[in-house]
Amino acid sequence: MKNEQAFPNPHRTDQTGMTMQQYAAIKLKVPDSGTDWLDEMIIKSLRNEFAAKALQGICANGIDTDWTDYRLAAEAYDLADAMLEVRGQA
């Protein structure tokens, strides 16, 4: 099932395209596609998503007025990296 084509086309016999495993990994945001470059993209996407949510939380709870935009972004990505590490994918 891992190599079964996600969207088979009965008119094509070359069996190119996305596998069910790759499709599931993308949709579920779990880097277990069996393709290294795709798994790296999923992790990068998760890191960006986690950083955005962390930044929203930081801003919603008030921020130190001395913080620069760079510091805010750095803190958000530090939190995202920690979330990925705890998740076991950093």
N, C-alpha and C. Protein backbone atom coordinates (compact mmCIF):
# COMPACT_ATOMS: atom_id res chain seq x y z
N MET A 1 0.82 -1.19 0.00
CA MET A 1 0.00 0.00 0.00
C MET A 1 0.86 1.26 0.00
N LYS A 2 2.08 1.19 0.55
CA LYS A 2 2.92 2.38 0.62
C LYS A 2 3.23 2.95 -0.76
N ASN A 3 3.39 2.11 -1.74
CA ASN A 3 3.74 2.59 -3.07
C ASN A 3 2.55 2.68 -4.01
N GLU A 4 1.36 2.45 -3.47
CA GLU A 4 0.16 2.56 -4.28
C GLU A 4 -0.06 4.02 -4.66
N GLN A 5 -0.39 4.25 -5.89
CA GLN A 5 -0.57 5.61 -6.40
C GLN A 5 -1.78 6.26 -5.75
N ALA A 6 -1.62 7.51 -5.32
CA ALA A 6 -2.70 8.23 -4.63
C ALA A 6 -3.86 8.54 -5.56
N PHE A 7 -3.56 8.95 -6.77
CA PHE A 7 -4.60 9.32 -7.72
C PHE A 7 -4.35 8.58 -9.04
N PRO A 8 -4.68 7.28 -9.06
CA PRO A 8 -4.39 6.51 -10.27
C PRO A 8 -5.20 7.00 -11.46
N ASN A 9 -4.57 6.94 -12.61
CA ASN A 9 -5.21 7.32 -13.86
C ASN A 9 -5.22 6.09 -14.74
N PRO A 10 -6.37 5.54 -15.04
CA PRO A 10 -6.42 4.31 -15.83
C PRO A 10 -5.89 4.47 -17.25
N HIS A 11 -5.73 5.70 -17.71
CA HIS A 11 -5.24 5.95 -19.06
C HIS A 11 -3.72 6.06 -19.12
N ARG A 12 -3.07 6.02 -17.96
CA ARG A 12 -1.61 6.10 -17.92
C ARG A 12 -1.06 4.80 -17.37
N THR A 13 -0.02 4.33 -17.97
CA THR A 13 0.58 3.07 -17.51
C THR A 13 1.96 3.26 -16.92
N ASP A 14 2.46 4.50 -16.88
CA ASP A 14 3.81 4.72 -16.38
C ASP A 14 3.88 4.79 -14.85
N GLN A 15 2.73 4.85 -14.16
CA GLN A 15 2.67 4.85 -12.71
C GLN A 15 3.49 5.96 -12.06
N THR A 16 3.56 7.12 -12.67
CA THR A 16 4.24 8.24 -12.04
C THR A 16 3.23 9.02 -11.21
N GLY A 17 3.71 9.79 -10.29
CA GLY A 17 2.82 10.60 -9.46
C GLY A 17 3.05 10.34 -7.99
N MET A 18 2.19 10.88 -7.19
CA MET A 18 2.31 10.82 -5.75
C MET A 18 1.76 9.50 -5.23
N THR A 19 2.49 8.90 -4.28
CA THR A 19 1.99 7.67 -3.67
C THR A 19 1.01 8.02 -2.55
N MET A 20 0.26 7.05 -2.11
CA MET A 20 -0.67 7.25 -1.00
C MET A 20 0.10 7.65 0.25
N GLN A 21 1.27 7.06 0.47
CA GLN A 21 2.08 7.39 1.64
C GLN A 21 2.52 8.86 1.60
N GLN A 22 2.97 9.32 0.44
CA GLN A 22 3.39 10.71 0.31
C GLN A 22 2.20 11.66 0.52
N TYR A 23 1.06 11.32 -0.05
CA TYR A 23 -0.13 12.15 0.10
C TYR A 23 -0.54 12.24 1.57
N ALA A 24 -0.56 11.10 2.25
CA ALA A 24 -0.95 11.07 3.66
C ALA A 24 0.03 11.88 4.51
N ALA A 25 1.33 11.77 4.22
CA ALA A 25 2.33 12.51 4.99
C ALA A 25 2.12 14.02 4.84
N ILE A 26 1.79 14.46 3.65
CA ILE A 26 1.56 15.89 3.41
C ILE A 26 0.29 16.33 4.13
N LYS A 27 -0.80 15.61 3.94
CA LYS A 27 -2.08 16.02 4.52
C LYS A 27 -2.07 15.96 6.05
N LEU A 28 -1.40 14.96 6.61
CA LEU A 28 -1.36 14.80 8.06
C LEU A 28 -0.20 15.55 8.72
N LYS A 29 0.67 16.14 7.89
CA LYS A 29 1.84 16.88 8.37
C LYS A 29 2.75 16.00 9.24
N VAL A 30 2.97 14.79 8.75
CA VAL A 30 3.83 13.83 9.43
C VAL A 30 4.94 13.46 8.45
N PRO A 31 6.20 13.83 8.76
CA PRO A 31 7.29 13.56 7.82
C PRO A 31 7.68 12.08 7.77
N ASP A 32 6.82 11.29 7.16
CA ASP A 32 7.06 9.86 7.00
C ASP A 32 6.62 9.44 5.61
N SER A 33 7.05 10.24 4.62
CA SER A 33 6.62 9.99 3.24
C SER A 33 7.44 8.93 2.53
N GLY A 34 8.62 8.63 3.09
CA GLY A 34 9.52 7.72 2.40
C GLY A 34 10.41 8.43 1.40
N THR A 35 10.27 9.75 1.31
CA THR A 35 11.07 10.57 0.40
C THR A 35 11.74 11.66 1.23
N ASP A 36 13.07 11.63 1.29
CA ASP A 36 13.81 12.53 2.17
C ASP A 36 13.50 14.00 1.92
N TRP A 37 13.51 14.43 0.65
CA TRP A 37 13.30 15.85 0.39
C TRP A 37 11.89 16.29 0.75
N LEU A 38 10.93 15.41 0.59
CA LEU A 38 9.55 15.74 0.96
C LEU A 38 9.41 15.82 2.48
N ASP A 39 10.04 14.90 3.19
CA ASP A 39 10.00 14.95 4.66
C ASP A 39 10.65 16.22 5.18
N GLU A 40 11.74 16.67 4.56
CA GLU A 40 12.39 17.92 4.96
C GLU A 40 11.45 19.11 4.74
N MET A 41 10.72 19.09 3.63
CA MET A 41 9.76 20.18 3.36
C MET A 41 8.63 20.18 4.38
N ILE A 42 8.16 19.00 4.76
CA ILE A 42 7.09 18.91 5.76
C ILE A 42 7.57 19.48 7.09
N ILE A 43 8.80 19.14 7.49
CA ILE A 43 9.35 19.66 8.74
C ILE A 43 9.51 21.18 8.68
N LYS A 44 10.00 21.70 7.56
CA LYS A 44 10.13 23.16 7.42
C LYS A 44 8.78 23.83 7.51
N SER A 45 7.78 23.23 6.90
CA SER A 45 6.43 23.79 6.94
C SER A 45 5.89 23.78 8.37
N LEU A 46 6.10 22.67 9.08
CA LEU A 46 5.67 22.60 10.47
C LEU A 46 6.38 23.65 11.32
N ARG A 47 7.68 23.81 11.08
CA ARG A 47 8.45 24.80 11.86
C ARG A 47 7.88 26.20 11.65
N ASN A 48 7.58 26.54 10.40
CA ASN A 48 6.99 27.85 10.12
C ASN A 48 5.61 27.99 10.76
N GLU A 49 4.81 26.95 10.70
CA GLU A 49 3.48 27.00 11.29
C GLU A 49 3.57 27.16 12.81
N PHE A 50 4.46 26.40 13.44
CA PHE A 50 4.63 26.50 14.90
C PHE A 50 5.14 27.88 15.29
N ALA A 51 6.08 28.43 14.51
CA ALA A 51 6.62 29.76 14.82
C ALA A 51 5.53 30.82 14.70
N ALA A 52 4.68 30.72 13.69
CA ALA A 52 3.60 31.68 13.53
C ALA A 52 2.64 31.63 14.71
N LYS A 53 2.31 30.42 15.15
CA LYS A 53 1.41 30.28 16.29
C LYS A 53 2.06 30.76 17.58
N ALA A 54 3.35 30.50 17.73
CA ALA A 54 4.07 30.99 18.91
C ALA A 54 4.11 32.51 18.92
N LEU A 55 4.34 33.11 17.77
CA LEU A 55 4.38 34.57 17.68
C LEU A 55 3.01 35.16 18.02
N GLN A 56 1.95 34.52 17.56
CA GLN A 56 0.60 34.99 17.91
C GLN A 56 0.39 34.95 19.42
N GLY A 57 0.87 33.88 20.05
CA GLY A 57 0.73 33.76 21.49
C GLY A 57 1.55 34.80 22.23
N ILE A 58 2.76 35.03 21.77
CA ILE A 58 3.63 36.04 22.39
C ILE A 58 2.97 37.41 22.30
N CYS A 59 2.48 37.75 21.13
CA CYS A 59 1.86 39.07 20.93
C CYS A 59 0.54 39.20 21.69
N ALA A 60 -0.23 38.13 21.76
CA ALA A 60 -1.52 38.18 22.44
C ALA A 60 -1.36 38.37 23.95
N ASN A 61 -0.23 37.92 24.49
CA ASN A 61 0.00 38.02 25.93
C ASN A 61 0.83 39.24 26.31
N GLY A 62 1.05 40.10 25.38
CA GLY A 62 1.84 41.30 25.67
C GLY A 62 3.33 41.00 25.52
N ILE A 63 4.04 41.98 25.03
CA ILE A 63 5.47 41.80 24.81
C ILE A 63 6.23 42.91 25.51
N ASP A 64 7.47 42.61 25.78
CA ASP A 64 8.36 43.61 26.36
C ASP A 64 8.60 44.68 25.30
N THR A 65 8.41 45.92 25.64
CA THR A 65 8.55 47.00 24.66
C THR A 65 9.98 47.16 24.16
N ASP A 66 10.93 46.55 24.85
CA ASP A 66 12.32 46.63 24.41
C ASP A 66 12.65 45.61 23.31
N TRP A 67 11.74 44.70 23.04
CA TRP A 67 12.01 43.66 22.05
C TRP A 67 11.94 44.24 20.64
N THR A 68 12.91 43.86 19.84
CA THR A 68 12.91 44.26 18.43
C THR A 68 12.11 43.23 17.63
N ASP A 69 11.79 43.58 16.41
CA ASP A 69 11.09 42.63 15.54
C ASP A 69 11.91 41.36 15.37
N TYR A 70 13.23 41.53 15.24
CA TYR A 70 14.11 40.37 15.09
C TYR A 70 14.03 39.48 16.32
N ARG A 71 14.04 40.09 17.50
CA ARG A 71 13.98 39.29 18.73
C ARG A 71 12.66 38.55 18.83
N LEU A 72 11.56 39.19 18.44
CA LEU A 72 10.26 38.51 18.44
C LEU A 72 10.29 37.28 17.54
N ALA A 73 10.80 37.47 16.34
CA ALA A 73 10.87 36.36 15.39
C ALA A 73 11.78 35.25 15.90
N ALA A 74 12.92 35.64 16.46
CA ALA A 74 13.86 34.65 16.99
C ALA A 74 13.24 33.85 18.13
N GLU A 75 12.51 34.52 19.00
CA GLU A 75 11.84 33.82 20.11
C GLU A 75 10.79 32.85 19.58
N ALA A 76 10.05 33.28 18.57
CA ALA A 76 9.02 32.41 17.99
C ALA A 76 9.65 31.16 17.38
N TYR A 77 10.75 31.33 16.66
CA TYR A 77 11.41 30.16 16.06
C TYR A 77 12.09 29.29 17.11
N ASP A 78 12.58 29.89 18.19
CA ASP A 78 13.13 29.08 19.28
C ASP A 78 12.04 28.19 19.88
N LEU A 79 10.86 28.75 20.05
CA LEU A 79 9.73 27.96 20.57
C LEU A 79 9.33 26.88 19.56
N ALA A 80 9.32 27.22 18.28
CA ALA A 80 8.99 26.24 17.25
C ALA A 80 9.99 25.09 17.25
N ASP A 81 11.28 25.42 17.37
CA ASP A 81 12.30 24.38 17.41
C ASP A 81 12.12 23.48 18.63
N ALA A 82 11.75 24.08 19.75
CA ALA A 82 11.51 23.29 20.96
C ALA A 82 10.32 22.36 20.76
N MET A 83 9.27 22.86 20.11
CA MET A 83 8.09 22.02 19.86
C MET A 83 8.45 20.84 18.95
N LEU A 84 9.24 21.08 17.92
CA LEU A 84 9.66 20.01 17.04
C LEU A 84 10.55 19.00 17.76
N GLU A 85 11.42 19.51 18.63
CA GLU A 85 12.32 18.62 19.38
C GLU A 85 11.51 17.71 20.30
N VAL A 86 10.55 18.30 21.00
CA VAL A 86 9.72 17.50 21.89
C VAL A 86 8.91 16.49 21.08
N ARG A 87 8.50 16.90 19.92
CA ARG A 87 7.74 16.01 19.02
C ARG A 87 8.63 14.92 18.44
N GLY A 88 9.96 15.14 18.52
CA GLY A 88 10.91 14.14 18.03
C GLY A 88 11.31 14.30 16.60
N GLN A 89 11.22 15.54 16.05
CA GLN A 89 11.52 15.73 14.64
C GLN A 89 12.46 16.88 14.39
N ALA A 90 13.19 17.31 15.38
CA ALA A 90 14.12 18.43 15.16
C ALA A 90 15.43 17.92 14.63
